[in-house]
């Protein structure tokens, strides 16, 4: 019987940051900021809300809500609308 390795909130936020760096490159994720981390015990999923500037000259941060499974897999990524 396998034991599922569960991550903590800090690790979930790190997975999210790494996900965006893989998507946009190191210079496409500037001043990455986590604004919230919550865990749903029933679903075993982390909700990470975060924001970052896509370029150093960008006037506004882009904000996202990312769901992360307790084993570190990204479940969904939703860009916040303003």
Protein backbone atom coordinates (compact mmCIF):
# COMPACT_ATOMS: atom_id res chain seq x y z
CA UNK A 1 0.00 0.00 0.00
CA UNK A 2 1.58 3.30 -1.15
CA UNK A 3 1.80 6.37 1.02
CA UNK A 4 1.03 9.68 -0.69
CA UNK A 5 3.58 12.36 0.09
CA UNK A 6 1.76 15.53 1.05
CA UNK A 7 3.33 18.95 0.55
CA UNK A 8 2.94 21.96 2.82
CA UNK A 9 1.82 25.46 1.86
CA UNK A 10 5.36 26.73 1.34
CA UNK A 11 6.09 23.91 -1.08
CA UNK A 12 2.78 24.46 -2.89
CA UNK A 13 3.69 28.14 -3.42
CA UNK A 14 7.14 27.12 -4.70
CA UNK A 15 5.55 24.67 -7.19
CA UNK A 16 3.33 27.51 -8.44
CA UNK A 17 6.24 29.90 -8.84
CA UNK A 18 8.25 27.25 -10.71
CA UNK A 19 5.24 26.53 -12.93
CA UNK A 20 5.08 30.18 -14.04
CA UNK A 21 8.84 30.38 -14.57
CA UNK A 22 8.59 27.31 -16.84
CA UNK A 23 5.72 28.98 -18.74
CA UNK A 24 7.10 32.53 -19.07
CA UNK A 25 10.83 32.21 -18.38
CA UNK A 26 12.83 33.73 -15.55
CA UNK A 27 12.41 37.27 -16.92
CA UNK A 28 8.65 36.83 -17.38
CA UNK A 29 7.96 36.37 -13.66
CA UNK A 30 9.08 39.50 -11.82
CA UNK A 31 8.48 40.23 -8.12
CA UNK A 32 6.46 37.05 -7.61
CA UNK A 33 4.20 37.51 -4.59
CA UNK A 34 1.98 35.00 -2.81
CA UNK A 35 -1.14 36.69 -1.46
CA UNK A 36 -2.80 33.62 0.02
CA UNK A 37 -2.45 29.89 0.62
CA UNK A 38 -5.30 27.67 1.81
CA UNK A 39 -5.67 23.91 2.14
CA UNK A 40 -8.91 21.98 1.57
CA UNK A 41 -8.54 18.90 3.77
CA UNK A 42 -11.50 17.12 2.15
CA UNK A 43 -10.26 17.54 -1.44
CA UNK A 44 -6.57 17.44 -0.45
CA UNK A 45 -5.81 20.45 -2.60
CA UNK A 46 -3.99 23.74 -2.03
CA UNK A 47 -5.33 27.04 -3.33
CA UNK A 48 -2.49 29.48 -3.97
CA UNK A 49 -3.29 33.07 -4.94
CA UNK A 50 -0.37 35.01 -6.33
CA UNK A 51 0.69 37.83 -8.57
CA UNK A 52 3.69 38.99 -10.55
CA UNK A 53 4.77 41.44 -13.23
CA UNK A 54 5.25 39.92 -16.67
CA UNK A 55 7.95 42.49 -17.49
CA UNK A 56 9.92 44.98 -15.43
CA UNK A 57 8.09 47.79 -17.24
CA UNK A 58 4.58 46.34 -16.78
CA UNK A 59 2.29 48.87 -15.08
CA UNK A 60 0.20 46.27 -13.24
CA UNK A 61 0.64 42.87 -11.64
CA UNK A 62 -1.17 39.87 -13.09
CA UNK A 63 -2.97 37.82 -10.44
CA UNK A 64 -3.72 34.10 -10.53
CA UNK A 65 -5.48 31.44 -8.49
CA UNK A 66 -3.75 28.08 -8.78
CA UNK A 67 -4.99 24.76 -7.40
CA UNK A 68 -2.25 22.31 -6.43
CA UNK A 69 -2.83 18.66 -5.52
CA UNK A 70 -1.30 17.56 -2.21
CA UNK A 71 1.37 15.65 -4.15
CA UNK A 72 2.52 18.81 -6.00
CA UNK A 73 0.71 18.40 -9.32
CA UNK A 74 -0.90 21.57 -10.68
CA UNK A 75 -4.67 21.01 -10.94
CA UNK A 76 -5.76 24.33 -12.51
CA UNK A 77 -4.60 27.86 -13.19
CA UNK A 78 -7.03 30.76 -13.44
CA UNK A 79 -6.08 34.33 -14.20
CA UNK A 80 -7.99 36.83 -12.10
CA UNK A 81 -10.10 39.28 -14.07
CA UNK A 82 -10.21 42.92 -13.10
